[in-house]
Every structure is written in C-alpha cells, then in structure tokens.
Protein backbone atom coordinates (compact mmCIF):
# COMPACT_ATOMS: atom_id res chain seq x y z
CA MET A 1 109.78 67.57 99.17
CA HIS A 2 112.46 69.03 96.89
CA MET A 3 115.22 66.73 98.13
CA ASP A 4 113.07 63.62 97.56
CA GLU A 5 112.27 64.76 94.01
CA GLU A 6 115.98 65.35 93.42
CA VAL A 7 116.96 61.83 94.45
CA ALA A 8 114.00 60.21 92.64
CA GLY A 9 114.81 62.08 89.40
CA MET A 10 118.44 61.02 89.49
CA ARG A 11 117.55 57.43 90.32
CA ARG A 12 115.07 57.24 87.40
CA ILE A 13 117.68 58.46 84.94
CA ILE A 14 120.34 56.10 86.21
CA GLU A 15 118.06 53.07 86.19
CA GLN A 16 116.52 53.79 82.77
CA ALA A 17 119.56 54.84 80.74
CA PRO A 18 120.40 52.11 78.21
CA ASP A 19 124.18 52.66 78.40
CA GLN A 20 126.78 54.84 80.10
CA PHE A 21 126.83 57.40 77.27
CA ALA A 22 123.07 57.92 77.47
CA LEU A 23 123.41 57.97 81.25
CA ARG A 24 125.82 60.89 81.15
CA GLU A 25 123.82 62.84 78.56
CA GLN A 26 120.50 62.33 80.34
CA PHE A 27 122.03 63.14 83.72
CA GLU A 28 123.49 66.39 82.40
CA ALA A 29 120.16 67.35 80.82
CA TRP A 30 118.40 66.64 84.11
CA MET A 31 120.93 68.74 86.06
CA LYS A 32 120.33 71.71 83.74
CA THR A 33 116.60 71.67 84.37
CA PHE A 34 116.41 70.57 88.01
CA HIS A 35 119.13 72.85 89.34
CA HIS A 36 118.33 75.97 87.35
CA ASP A 37 117.04 77.70 90.49
CA ALA A 38 119.86 78.42 92.94
CA ASP A 39 117.33 79.58 95.52
CA TRP A 40 116.97 75.96 96.71
CA SER A 41 120.65 75.87 97.59
CA LEU A 42 120.42 79.25 99.28
CA LEU A 43 117.43 78.04 101.30
CA ALA A 44 119.41 74.94 102.32
CA ILE A 45 122.20 77.22 103.54
CA GLU A 46 119.75 79.31 105.54
CA LEU A 47 118.35 76.14 107.13
CA ALA A 48 121.87 74.94 107.98
CA LEU A 49 122.60 78.26 109.66
CA GLN A 50 119.35 78.03 111.63
CA ALA A 51 120.32 74.53 112.77
CA ARG A 52 123.55 75.96 114.16
CA ARG A 53 121.57 78.53 116.18
CA ASP A 54 118.67 76.37 117.38
CA ALA A 55 119.28 72.96 118.98
CA VAL A 56 115.62 71.91 118.75
CA PHE A 57 115.50 72.73 115.04
CA ALA A 58 118.89 71.06 114.58
CA ARG A 59 117.59 67.67 115.73
CA LYS A 60 114.91 67.63 113.04
CA TYR A 61 117.21 69.19 110.46
CA ASP A 62 119.95 66.62 111.09
CA LYS A 63 117.52 63.73 110.56
CA VAL A 64 116.38 65.15 107.22
CA GLN A 65 119.93 65.92 106.11
CA THR A 66 121.22 62.49 107.10
CA ALA A 67 118.44 60.77 105.17
CA HIS A 68 119.10 62.97 102.13
CA ARG A 69 122.87 62.42 102.30
CA LEU A 70 122.41 58.63 102.47
CA ALA A 71 119.87 58.61 99.61
CA LEU A 72 122.05 60.87 97.50
CA GLY A 73 125.05 58.68 98.28
CA GLU A 74 123.15 55.61 97.08
CA VAL A 75 122.31 57.36 93.82
CA ILE A 76 125.91 58.50 93.32
CA SER A 77 127.08 54.95 93.99
CA LEU A 78 124.58 53.62 91.44
CA PHE A 79 125.72 56.24 88.92
CA PHE A 80 129.36 55.23 89.28
CA SER A 81 128.49 51.55 89.08
CA ARG A 82 126.46 52.05 85.88
CA ALA A 83 129.40 54.01 84.45
CA GLY A 84 131.69 51.06 85.24
CA LYS A 85 133.64 52.96 87.90
CA ARG A 86 134.35 52.64 91.61
CA LEU A 87 133.54 55.42 94.02
CA PRO A 88 136.76 57.13 95.14
CA ALA A 89 135.31 57.56 98.67
CA GLU A 90 132.35 56.37 100.73
CA ALA A 91 129.01 57.17 99.11
CA ALA A 92 127.88 59.48 101.94
CA SER A 93 131.19 61.34 101.74
CA MET A 94 130.73 61.82 97.99
CA ALA A 95 127.23 63.14 98.64
CA THR A 96 128.62 65.56 101.22
CA ILE A 97 131.23 66.80 98.76
CA PHE A 98 128.70 67.45 96.01
CA LYS A 99 126.20 69.09 98.36
CA ALA A 100 128.90 71.39 99.73
CA LEU A 101 130.06 72.25 96.24
CA ALA A 102 126.51 73.03 95.09
CA TYR A 103 125.87 75.24 98.12
CA GLY A 104 129.19 77.03 97.80
CA LEU A 105 128.64 77.68 94.11
CA ALA A 106 125.15 78.99 94.84
CA LEU A 107 126.66 81.48 97.29
CA GLN A 108 129.32 82.57 94.81
CA ASP A 109 126.93 82.95 91.87
CA ARG A 110 125.34 86.33 91.34
CA PRO A 111 123.81 86.14 87.85
CA LYS A 112 123.45 89.91 87.47
CA GLN A 113 127.11 90.39 88.41
CA ARG A 114 128.47 87.28 86.67
CA ILE A 115 132.12 87.64 85.79
CA GLU A 116 132.98 86.99 82.18
CA GLY A 117 134.89 83.76 81.67
CA ILE A 118 133.51 82.03 84.78
CA ALA A 119 131.03 79.29 83.99
CA GLU A 120 127.61 79.02 85.58
CA PRO A 121 127.45 76.88 88.74
CA ILE A 122 125.73 73.97 87.01
CA ALA A 123 128.50 73.82 84.41
CA LEU A 124 131.08 73.77 87.20
CA LEU A 125 129.24 70.94 88.98
CA ARG A 126 129.18 68.96 85.73
CA LEU A 127 132.91 69.60 85.27
CA VAL A 128 133.73 68.31 88.75
CA MET A 129 131.49 65.25 88.36
CA ALA A 130 132.99 64.43 84.95
CA SER A 131 136.51 64.85 86.34
CA VAL A 132 135.86 62.64 89.36
CA LEU A 133 134.22 60.03 87.15
CA LYS A 134 137.10 60.07 84.66
CA ALA A 135 139.70 59.76 87.43
CA ALA A 136 137.84 56.95 89.20
CA ASP A 137 139.15 53.40 88.94
CA LYS A 138 137.32 50.98 86.73
CA SER A 139 135.09 48.65 88.68
CA GLY A 140 136.43 45.55 87.02
CA LYS A 141 132.98 44.62 85.79
CA ALA A 142 132.72 43.23 82.30
C-alpha cells in the first residue's frame, strides 16, 4: 500500500541517517522522488470525499486514515527527536497538518498552468517542514 511505503521509507531514512545534517538531506531527496506524483494526493482527496458520501465506506476509510495518521505522527516525532527538537504539537496533529498541506497543494498545483514565481508543491512542503523544525524548541538532549 502506498501509505505504508511512505511511512516505511521515511522511517528508514530517519533511523539510518548518521547525523541531523544527513537526515535533512536524505529526507529532502526522498521527498523529491516519493512525492513526484501528485495523483496520489488527488486520489486521497477523492477517497475522503467518498467517505463523506458513504457511511459504510467511511468506516473502513477512517480506520485506514487513523492508522496512517498515527504511523506518520510517529515518524514525524522520530524525525524531530533525531534533529534534537521537540514537536510543537501532538504527533498525530502534526501528521494531520502535513497531510492537509500536501493535499491542498496537490489541488492547487496544475503543472501545465504553473504560475511563474510559485514553487512546486514539494518545495513548499520542504519549506514548511524546515520552518517548523527551525522554530521548534530544542529537546534538551545532549
């Protein structure tokens, strides 16, 4: 499943990076390759809309989304910890923020009609992640 591969790929990078500088570089490189196809985000939006229309589908959808949000939150928490920072909010909330941002950017992006001066969605996601990481409190770990 795409979401499982996403979480596993991020976890591998975070666990294997020798230091926080390599962590950031490797994570950015992974984001460029894994998220190059916005169709996954658009499909996720379509599924979310279907869950709003169909209560039976919504029960299954909600289970999958909850599991993904929790797994993604764990990975985000691990990422912040390895970077020597504290999460500015609960892990699941951070996962929700980044998922919403990715989906919203996928909706806004129209590569054939891209407006000059506006970065690609992946670059905007990296910018937000870097900004949140920079603004986060240090964890106090040595």
